[in-house]
């Protein structure tokens, strides 16, 4: 399946990179690369993640982070890449 990142997910990745890069730029690069690697795996196997309370979304953990995505007819859309401790708007939490 095709893989697409929503603007919010790109902003999430930028924020994660910036936060980690303050202390360790190499670690920040590794985290982002890992997210991209797992996102590609999700595109190949879209139902690998767990369902959320919102039936539109699935989630897949990577260490302390969650990739939240939607499976479309011919594409996987990454909506969020968030730290697991943050609020989860995809599950109705604000």
PDB file of N, CA and C in Angstrom:
ATOM      1  N   UNK A   1       0.842  -1.187   0.000  1.00  0.00           N
ATOM      2  CA  UNK A   1       0.000   0.000   0.000  1.00  0.00           C
ATOM      3  C   UNK A   1       0.883   1.245   0.000  1.00  0.00           C
ATOM      4  N   UNK A   2       0.321   2.303  -0.495  1.00  0.00           N
ATOM      5  CA  UNK A   2       0.994   3.589  -0.489  1.00  0.00           C
ATOM      6  C   UNK A   2       1.028   4.125   0.951  1.00  0.00           C
ATOM      7  N   UNK A   3       2.057   4.895   1.284  1.00  0.00           N
ATOM      8  CA  UNK A   3       2.208   5.472   2.617  1.00  0.00           C
ATOM      9  C   UNK A   3       2.188   6.983   2.512  1.00  0.00           C
ATOM     10  N   UNK A   4       1.388   7.624   3.369  1.00  0.00           N
ATOM     11  CA  UNK A   4       1.312   9.086   3.382  1.00  0.00           C
ATOM     12  C   UNK A   4       1.307   9.576   4.824  1.00  0.00           C
ATOM     13  N   UNK A   5       2.049  10.656   5.068  1.00  0.00           N
ATOM     14  CA  UNK A   5       2.076  11.300   6.384  1.00  0.00           C
ATOM     15  C   UNK A   5       1.222  12.565   6.326  1.00  0.00           C
ATOM     16  N   UNK A   6       0.310  12.717   7.271  1.00  0.00           N
ATOM     17  CA  UNK A   6      -0.422  13.969   7.418  1.00  0.00           C
ATOM     18  C   UNK A   6       0.538  15.033   7.947  1.00  0.00           C
ATOM     19  N   UNK A   7       0.218  16.289   7.724  1.00  0.00           N
ATOM     20  CA  UNK A   7       1.080  17.384   8.207  1.00  0.00           C
ATOM     21  C   UNK A   7       1.336  17.308   9.705  1.00  0.00           C
ATOM     22  N   UNK A   8       0.313  16.938  10.453  1.00  0.00           N
ATOM     23  CA  UNK A   8       0.468  16.833  11.903  1.00  0.00           C
ATOM     24  C   UNK A   8       1.492  15.782  12.294  1.00  0.00           C
ATOM     25  N   UNK A   9       1.532  14.679  11.565  1.00  0.00           N
ATOM     26  CA  UNK A   9       2.507  13.623  11.852  1.00  0.00           C
ATOM     27  C   UNK A   9       3.919  14.096  11.525  1.00  0.00           C
ATOM     28  N   UNK A  10       4.059  14.848  10.439  1.00  0.00           N
ATOM     29  CA  UNK A  10       5.369  15.406  10.084  1.00  0.00           C
ATOM     30  C   UNK A  10       5.809  16.384  11.167  1.00  0.00           C
ATOM     31  N   UNK A  11       4.886  17.212  11.650  1.00  0.00           N
ATOM     32  CA  UNK A  11       5.197  18.148  12.734  1.00  0.00           C
ATOM     33  C   UNK A  11       5.574  17.392  14.007  1.00  0.00           C
ATOM     34  N   UNK A  12       4.864  16.288  14.292  1.00  0.00           N
ATOM     35  CA  UNK A  12       5.206  15.467  15.461  1.00  0.00           C
ATOM     36  C   UNK A  12       6.635  14.953  15.354  1.00  0.00           C
ATOM     37  N   UNK A  13       7.002  14.443  14.186  1.00  0.00           N
ATOM     38  CA  UNK A  13       8.366  13.926  13.991  1.00  0.00           C
ATOM     39  C   UNK A  13       9.405  15.028  14.138  1.00  0.00           C
ATOM     40  N   UNK A  14       9.122  16.198  13.592  1.00  0.00           N
ATOM     41  CA  UNK A  14      10.044  17.330  13.741  1.00  0.00           C
ATOM     42  C   UNK A  14      10.234  17.692  15.212  1.00  0.00           C
ATOM     43  N   UNK A  15       9.134  17.687  15.955  1.00  0.00           N
ATOM     44  CA  UNK A  15       9.181  18.018  17.385  1.00  0.00           C
ATOM     45  C   UNK A  15       9.985  16.974  18.165  1.00  0.00           C
ATOM     46  N   UNK A  16       9.754  15.711  17.863  1.00  0.00           N
ATOM     47  CA  UNK A  16      10.491  14.629  18.521  1.00  0.00           C
ATOM     48  C   UNK A  16      11.976  14.759  18.217  1.00  0.00           C
ATOM     49  N   UNK A  17      12.303  14.978  16.942  1.00  0.00           N
ATOM     50  CA  UNK A  17      13.700  15.122  16.555  1.00  0.00           C
ATOM     51  C   UNK A  17      14.348  16.289  17.293  1.00  0.00           C
ATOM     52  N   UNK A  18      13.701  17.445  17.301  1.00  0.00           N
ATOM     53  CA  UNK A  18      14.261  18.633  17.950  1.00  0.00           C
ATOM     54  C   UNK A  18      14.485  18.408  19.436  1.00  0.00           C
ATOM     55  N   UNK A  19      13.531  17.775  20.087  1.00  0.00           N
ATOM     56  CA  UNK A  19      13.640  17.534  21.531  1.00  0.00           C
ATOM     57  C   UNK A  19      14.827  16.621  21.849  1.00  0.00           C
ATOM     58  N   UNK A  20      14.942  15.529  21.131  1.00  0.00           N
ATOM     59  CA  UNK A  20      16.032  14.580  21.394  1.00  0.00           C
ATOM     60  C   UNK A  20      17.371  15.161  20.953  1.00  0.00           C
ATOM     61  N   UNK A  21      17.380  15.899  19.838  1.00  0.00           N
ATOM     62  CA  UNK A  21      18.624  16.427  19.275  1.00  0.00           C
ATOM     63  C   UNK A  21      19.304  17.445  20.184  1.00  0.00           C
ATOM     64  N   UNK A  22      18.550  18.058  21.086  1.00  0.00           N
ATOM     65  CA  UNK A  22      19.167  18.996  22.037  1.00  0.00           C
ATOM     66  C   UNK A  22      20.283  18.314  22.812  1.00  0.00           C
ATOM     67  N   UNK A  23      20.082  17.053  23.158  1.00  0.00           N
ATOM     68  CA  UNK A  23      21.064  16.296  23.929  1.00  0.00           C
ATOM     69  C   UNK A  23      21.897  15.353  23.077  1.00  0.00           C
ATOM     70  N   UNK A  24      21.282  14.815  22.000  1.00  0.00           N
ATOM     71  CA  UNK A  24      21.992  13.792  21.235  1.00  0.00           C
ATOM     72  C   UNK A  24      21.454  13.744  19.797  1.00  0.00           C
ATOM     73  N   UNK A  25      22.068  14.503  18.891  1.00  0.00           N
ATOM     74  CA  UNK A  25      21.584  14.535  17.507  1.00  0.00           C
ATOM     75  C   UNK A  25      21.580  13.159  16.820  1.00  0.00           C
ATOM     76  N   UNK A  26      22.556  12.326  17.130  1.00  0.00           N
ATOM     77  CA  UNK A  26      22.600  11.001  16.510  1.00  0.00           C
ATOM     78  C   UNK A  26      21.420  10.150  16.976  1.00  0.00           C
ATOM     79  N   UNK A  27      21.103  10.228  18.251  1.00  0.00           N
ATOM     80  CA  UNK A  27      19.952   9.475  18.769  1.00  0.00           C
ATOM     81  C   UNK A  27      18.662   9.976  18.134  1.00  0.00           C
ATOM     82  N   UNK A  28      18.556  11.282  17.934  1.00  0.00           N
ATOM     83  CA  UNK A  28      17.365  11.850  17.301  1.00  0.00           C
ATOM     84  C   UNK A  28      17.210  11.302  15.886  1.00  0.00           C
ATOM     85  N   UNK A  29      18.305  11.235  15.158  1.00  0.00           N
ATOM     86  CA  UNK A  29      18.260  10.680  13.798  1.00  0.00           C
ATOM     87  C   UNK A  29      17.849   9.219  13.808  1.00  0.00           C
ATOM     88  N   UNK A  30      18.361   8.464  14.777  1.00  0.00           N
ATOM     89  CA  UNK A  30      18.002   7.039  14.869  1.00  0.00           C
ATOM     90  C   UNK A  30      16.517   6.852  15.166  1.00  0.00           C
ATOM     91  N   UNK A  31      15.969   7.677  16.055  1.00  0.00           N
ATOM     92  CA  UNK A  31      14.547   7.557  16.396  1.00  0.00           C
ATOM     93  C   UNK A  31      13.683   7.838  15.163  1.00  0.00           C
ATOM     94  N   UNK A  32      13.979   8.906  14.448  1.00  0.00           N
ATOM     95  CA  UNK A  32      13.193   9.250  13.259  1.00  0.00           C
ATOM     96  C   UNK A  32      13.333   8.161  12.192  1.00  0.00           C
ATOM     97  N   UNK A  33      14.544   7.657  12.004  1.00  0.00           N
ATOM     98  CA  UNK A  33      14.755   6.583  11.028  1.00  0.00           C
ATOM     99  C   UNK A  33      13.961   5.343  11.416  1.00  0.00           C
ATOM    100  N   UNK A  34      13.917   5.043  12.693  1.00  0.00           N
ATOM    101  CA  UNK A  34      13.160   3.877  13.168  1.00  0.00           C
ATOM    102  C   UNK A  34      11.661   4.057  12.918  1.00  0.00           C
ATOM    103  N   UNK A  35      11.164   5.252  13.172  1.00  0.00           N
ATOM    104  CA  UNK A  35       9.745   5.533  12.909  1.00  0.00           C
ATOM    105  C   UNK A  35       9.450   5.333  11.420  1.00  0.00           C
ATOM    106  N   UNK A  36      10.317   5.863  10.561  1.00  0.00           N
ATOM    107  CA  UNK A  36      10.105   5.717   9.120  1.00  0.00           C
ATOM    108  C   UNK A  36      10.173   4.254   8.685  1.00  0.00           C
ATOM    109  N   UNK A  37      11.077   3.494   9.287  1.00  0.00           N
ATOM    110  CA  UNK A  37      11.194   2.060   8.982  1.00  0.00           C
ATOM    111  C   UNK A  37       9.918   1.312   9.370  1.00  0.00           C
ATOM    112  N   UNK A  38       9.421   1.593  10.561  1.00  0.00           N
ATOM    113  CA  UNK A  38       8.208   0.924  11.034  1.00  0.00           C
ATOM    114  C   UNK A  38       6.995   1.374  10.218  1.00  0.00           C
ATOM    115  N   UNK A  39       6.939   2.641   9.844  1.00  0.00           N
ATOM    116  CA  UNK A  39       5.825   3.126   9.010  1.00  0.00           C
ATOM    117  C   UNK A  39       5.798   2.382   7.678  1.00  0.00           C
ATOM    118  N   UNK A  40       6.963   2.124   7.109  1.00  0.00           N
ATOM    119  CA  UNK A  40       7.016   1.356   5.861  1.00  0.00           C
ATOM    120  C   UNK A  40       6.513  -0.071   6.081  1.00  0.00           C
ATOM    121  N   UNK A  41       6.842  -0.652   7.229  1.00  0.00           N
ATOM    122  CA  UNK A  41       6.350  -2.000   7.549  1.00  0.00           C
ATOM    123  C   UNK A  41       4.831  -1.981   7.715  1.00  0.00           C
ATOM    124  N   UNK A  42       4.319  -0.926   8.347  1.00  0.00           N
ATOM    125  CA  UNK A  42       2.865  -0.796   8.509  1.00  0.00           C
ATOM    126  C   UNK A  42       2.188  -0.713   7.142  1.00  0.00           C
ATOM    127  N   UNK A  43       2.791   0.020   6.211  1.00  0.00           N
ATOM    128  CA  UNK A  43       2.219   0.124   4.869  1.00  0.00           C
ATOM    129  C   UNK A  43       2.154  -1.245   4.196  1.00  0.00           C
ATOM    130  N   UNK A  44       3.141  -2.083   4.471  1.00  0.00           N
ATOM    131  CA  UNK A  44       3.157  -3.428   3.885  1.00  0.00           C
ATOM    132  C   UNK A  44       2.162  -4.364   4.572  1.00  0.00           C
ATOM    133  N   UNK A  45       1.972  -4.166   5.876  1.00  0.00           N
ATOM    134  CA  UNK A  45       1.071  -5.010   6.679  1.00  0.00           C
ATOM    135  C   UNK A  45       0.166  -4.093   7.511  1.00  0.00           C
ATOM    136  N   UNK A  46      -0.831  -3.475   6.900  1.00  0.00           N
ATOM    137  CA  UNK A  46      -1.591  -2.411   7.559  1.00  0.00           C
ATOM    138  C   UNK A  46      -2.327  -2.792   8.841  1.00  0.00           C
ATOM    139  N   UNK A  47      -2.641  -4.033   9.015  1.00  0.00           N
ATOM    140  CA  UNK A  47      -3.399  -4.413  10.214  1.00  0.00           C
ATOM    141  C   UNK A  47      -2.500  -4.936  11.337  1.00  0.00           C
ATOM    142  N   UNK A  48      -1.213  -4.641  11.242  1.00  0.00           N
ATOM    143  CA  UNK A  48      -0.257  -5.075  12.253  1.00  0.00           C
ATOM    144  C   UNK A  48      -0.481  -4.354  13.590  1.00  0.00           C
ATOM    145  N   UNK A  49      -0.990  -3.127  13.526  1.00  0.00           N
ATOM    146  CA  UNK A  49      -1.220  -2.346  14.746  1.00  0.00           C
ATOM    147  C   UNK A  49      -2.523  -2.722  15.428  1.00  0.00           C
ATOM    148  N   UNK A  50      -2.641  -2.253  16.655  1.00  0.00           N
ATOM    149  CA  UNK A  50      -3.855  -2.520  17.438  1.00  0.00           C
ATOM    150  C   UNK A  50      -4.913  -1.465  17.158  1.00  0.00           C
ATOM    151  N   UNK A  51      -6.151  -1.862  17.242  1.00  0.00           N
ATOM    152  CA  UNK A  51      -7.263  -0.927  17.085  1.00  0.00           C
ATOM    153  C   UNK A  51      -7.296   0.032  18.274  1.00  0.00           C
ATOM    154  N   UNK A  52      -7.810   1.225  18.036  1.00  0.00           N
ATOM    155  CA  UNK A  52      -8.014   2.190  19.119  1.00  0.00           C
ATOM    156  C   UNK A  52      -9.509   2.272  19.414  1.00  0.00           C
ATOM    157  N   UNK A  53      -9.873   3.098  20.376  1.00  0.00           N
ATOM    158  CA  UNK A  53     -11.300   3.274  20.665  1.00  0.00           C
ATOM    159  C   UNK A  53     -12.032   3.898  19.485  1.00  0.00           C
ATOM    160  N   UNK A  54     -11.308   4.680  18.710  1.00  0.00           N
ATOM    161  CA  UNK A  54     -11.874   5.263  17.499  1.00  0.00           C
ATOM    162  C   UNK A  54     -11.671   4.254  16.372  1.00  0.00           C
ATOM    163  N   UNK A  55     -12.738   3.735  15.786  1.00  0.00           N
ATOM    164  CA  UNK A  55     -12.595   2.676  14.778  1.00  0.00           C
ATOM    165  C   UNK A  55     -11.827   3.091  13.520  1.00  0.00           C
ATOM    166  N   UNK A  56     -11.645   4.384  13.309  1.00  0.00           N
ATOM    167  CA  UNK A  56     -10.874   4.856  12.142  1.00  0.00           C
ATOM    168  C   UNK A  56      -9.385   4.566  12.280  1.00  0.00           C
ATOM    169  N   UNK A  57      -8.884   4.524  13.518  1.00  0.00           N
ATOM    170  CA  UNK A  57      -7.442   4.517  13.734  1.00  0.00           C
ATOM    171  C   UNK A  57      -6.913   3.217  14.324  1.00  0.00           C
ATOM    172  N   UNK A  58      -5.660   2.950  13.977  1.00  0.00           N
ATOM    173  CA  UNK A  58      -4.894   1.852  14.572  1.00  0.00           C
ATOM    174  C   UNK A  58      -3.620   2.477  15.131  1.00  0.00           C
ATOM    175  N   UNK A  59      -2.960   1.766  16.032  1.00  0.00           N
ATOM    176  CA  UNK A  59      -1.720   2.304  16.604  1.00  0.00           C
ATOM    177  C   UNK A  59      -0.671   1.209  16.687  1.00  0.00           C
ATOM    178  N   UNK A  60       0.578   1.647  16.604  1.00  0.00           N
ATOM    179  CA  UNK A  60       1.692   0.717  16.687  1.00  0.00           C
ATOM    180  C   UNK A  60       2.774   1.364  17.539  1.00  0.00           C
ATOM    181  N   UNK A  61       3.216   0.687  18.607  1.00  0.00           N
ATOM    182  CA  UNK A  61       4.225   1.288  19.487  1.00  0.00           C
ATOM    183  C   UNK A  61       5.647   1.100  18.951  1.00  0.00           C
ATOM    184  N   UNK A  62       6.454   2.116  19.198  1.00  0.00           N
ATOM    185  CA  UNK A  62       7.897   2.052  18.936  1.00  0.00           C
ATOM    186  C   UNK A  62       8.561   2.624  20.177  1.00  0.00           C
ATOM    187  N   UNK A  63       9.021   1.779  21.042  1.00  0.00           N
ATOM    188  CA  UNK A  63       9.615   2.268  22.285  1.00  0.00           C
ATOM    189  C   UNK A  63       8.600   3.092  23.054  1.00  0.00           C
ATOM    190  N   UNK A  64       8.933   4.344  23.324  1.00  0.00           N
ATOM    191  CA  UNK A  64       8.057   5.243  24.084  1.00  0.00           C
ATOM    192  C   UNK A  64       7.029   5.951  23.208  1.00  0.00           C
ATOM    193  N   UNK A  65       7.077   5.724  21.918  1.00  0.00           N
ATOM    194  CA  UNK A  65       6.234   6.453  20.977  1.00  0.00           C
ATOM    195  C   UNK A  65       5.162   5.553  20.354  1.00  0.00           C
ATOM    196  N   UNK A  66       4.118   6.211  19.843  1.00  0.00           N
ATOM    197  CA  UNK A  66       3.044   5.513  19.137  1.00  0.00           C
ATOM    198  C   UNK A  66       2.892   6.118  17.747  1.00  0.00           C
ATOM    199  N   UNK A  67       2.801   5.251  16.759  1.00  0.00           N
ATOM    200  CA  UNK A  67       2.409   5.688  15.423  1.00  0.00           C
ATOM    201  C   UNK A  67       0.911   5.411  15.330  1.00  0.00           C
ATOM    202  N   UNK A  68       0.148   6.446  15.024  1.00  0.00           N
ATOM    203  CA  UNK A  68      -1.302   6.309  14.894  1.00  0.00           C
ATOM    204  C   UNK A  68      -1.649   6.533  13.429  1.00  0.00           C
ATOM    205  N   UNK A  69      -2.355   5.584  12.858  1.00  0.00           N
ATOM    206  CA  UNK A  69      -2.597   5.607  11.424  1.00  0.00           C
ATOM    207  C   UNK A  69      -3.989   5.125  11.079  1.00  0.00           C
ATOM    208  N   UNK A  70      -4.339   5.376   9.824  1.00  0.00           N
ATOM    209  CA  UNK A  70      -5.631   4.976   9.285  1.00  0.00           C
ATOM    210  C   UNK A  70      -5.369   4.140   8.032  1.00  0.00           C
ATOM    211  N   UNK A  71      -6.104   3.071   7.895  1.00  0.00           N
ATOM    212  CA  UNK A  71      -5.977   2.217   6.720  1.00  0.00           C
ATOM    213  C   UNK A  71      -7.064   2.607   5.734  1.00  0.00           C
ATOM    214  N   UNK A  72      -6.635   3.076   4.574  1.00  0.00           N
ATOM    215  CA  UNK A  72      -7.570   3.439   3.522  1.00  0.00           C
ATOM    216  C   UNK A  72      -7.678   2.331   2.493  1.00  0.00           C
ATOM    217  N   UNK A  73      -8.354   2.628   1.414  1.00  0.00           N
ATOM    218  CA  UNK A  73      -8.554   1.628   0.368  1.00  0.00           C
ATOM    219  C   UNK A  73      -7.225   1.214  -0.267  1.00  0.00           C
ATOM    220  N   UNK A  74      -6.375   2.185  -0.572  1.00  0.00           N
ATOM    221  CA  UNK A  74      -5.105   1.863  -1.211  1.00  0.00           C
ATOM    222  C   UNK A  74      -3.922   2.589  -0.586  1.00  0.00           C
ATOM    223  N   UNK A  75      -4.125   3.149   0.608  1.00  0.00           N
ATOM    224  CA  UNK A  75      -3.025   3.824   1.286  1.00  0.00           C
ATOM    225  C   UNK A  75      -3.168   3.744   2.796  1.00  0.00           C
ATOM    226  N   UNK A  76      -2.029   3.884   3.458  1.00  0.00           N
ATOM    227  CA  UNK A  76      -1.982   4.012   4.907  1.00  0.00           C
ATOM    228  C   UNK A  76      -1.613   5.461   5.186  1.00  0.00           C
ATOM    229  N   UNK A  77      -2.392   6.101   6.060  1.00  0.00           N
ATOM    230  CA  UNK A  77      -2.152   7.503   6.385  1.00  0.00           C
ATOM    231  C   UNK A  77      -1.696   7.589   7.834  1.00  0.00           C
ATOM    232  N   UNK A  78      -0.476   8.117   8.030  1.00  0.00           N
ATOM    233  CA  UNK A  78       0.044   8.322   9.379  1.00  0.00           C
ATOM    234  C   UNK A  78      -0.506   9.665   9.861  1.00  0.00           C
ATOM    235  N   UNK A  79      -1.259   9.648  10.956  1.00  0.00           N
ATOM    236  CA  UNK A  79      -1.869  10.866  11.486  1.00  0.00           C
ATOM    237  C   UNK A  79      -1.068  11.472  12.633  1.00  0.00           C
ATOM    238  N   UNK A  80      -0.497  10.624  13.487  1.00  0.00           N
ATOM    239  CA  UNK A  80       0.230  11.103  14.662  1.00  0.00           C
ATOM    240  C   UNK A  80       1.446  10.223  14.913  1.00  0.00           C
ATOM    241  N   UNK A  81       2.474  10.840  15.465  1.00  0.00           N
ATOM    242  CA  UNK A  81       3.599  10.111  16.052  1.00  0.00           C
ATOM    243  C   UNK A  81       3.805  10.791  17.397  1.00  0.00           C
ATOM    244  N   UNK A  82       3.359  10.158  18.456  1.00  0.00           N
ATOM    245  CA  UNK A  82       3.320  10.800  19.765  1.00  0.00           C
ATOM    246  C   UNK A  82       3.981   9.954  20.829  1.00  0.00           C
ATOM    247  N   UNK A  83       4.503  10.633  21.841  1.00  0.00           N
ATOM    248  CA  UNK A  83       5.001   9.947  23.028  1.00  0.00           C
ATOM    249  C   UNK A  83       3.793   9.299  23.688  1.00  0.00           C
ATOM    250  N   UNK A  84       3.974   8.095  24.184  1.00  0.00           N
ATOM    251  CA  UNK A  84       2.864   7.341  24.766  1.00  0.00           C
ATOM    252  C   UNK A  84       2.212   8.004  25.962  1.00  0.00           C
ATOM    253  N   UNK A  85       2.926   8.921  26.640  1.00  0.00           N
ATOM    254  CA  UNK A  85       2.375   9.584  27.822  1.00  0.00           C
ATOM    255  C   UNK A  85       1.531  10.811  27.463  1.00  0.00           C
ATOM    256  N   UNK A  86       1.587  11.242  26.209  1.00  0.00           N
ATOM    257  CA  UNK A  86       0.826  12.431  25.804  1.00  0.00           C
ATOM    258  C   UNK A  86      -0.646  12.110  25.614  1.00  0.00           C
ATOM    259  N   UNK A  87      -1.443  13.169  25.564  1.00  0.00           N
ATOM    260  CA  UNK A  87      -2.876  12.993  25.318  1.00  0.00           C
ATOM    261  C   UNK A  87      -3.092  12.338  23.962  1.00  0.00           C
ATOM    262  N   UNK A  88      -4.202  11.657  23.854  1.00  0.00           N
ATOM    263  CA  UNK A  88      -4.492  10.875  22.652  1.00  0.00           C
ATOM    264  C   UNK A  88      -5.776  11.357  21.990  1.00  0.00           C
ATOM    265  N   UNK A  89      -5.664  12.399  21.163  1.00  0.00           N
ATOM    266  CA  UNK A  89      -6.888  12.937  20.548  1.00  0.00           C
ATOM    267  C   UNK A  89      -7.611  11.945  19.649  1.00  0.00           C
ATOM    268  N   UNK A  90      -6.912  10.945  19.143  1.00  0.00           N
ATOM    269  CA  UNK A  90      -7.558   9.944  18.285  1.00  0.00           C
ATOM    270  C   UNK A  90      -8.478   9.037  19.076  1.00  0.00           C
ATOM    271  N   UNK A  91      -8.367   9.084  20.424  1.00  0.00           N
ATOM    272  CA  UNK A  91      -9.266   8.279  21.254  1.00  0.00           C
ATOM    273  C   UNK A  91     -10.238   9.155  22.031  1.00  0.00           C
ATOM    274  N   UNK A  92     -10.388  10.388  21.571  1.00  0.00           N
ATOM    275  CA  UNK A  92     -11.352  11.277  22.210  1.00  0.00           C
ATOM    276  C   UNK A  92     -10.811  11.996  23.439  1.00  0.00           C
ATOM    277  N   UNK A  93      -9.519  11.874  23.723  1.00  0.00           N
ATOM    278  CA  UNK A  93      -8.918  12.566  24.868  1.00  0.00           C
ATOM    279  C   UNK A  93      -8.454  13.936  24.414  1.00  0.00           C
ATOM    280  N   UNK A  94      -8.759  14.939  25.144  1.00  0.00           N
ATOM    281  CA  UNK A  94      -8.319  16.302  24.812  1.00  0.00           C
ATOM    282  C   UNK A  94      -7.559  16.893  25.913  1.00  0.00           C
TER     283      UNK A  94
END
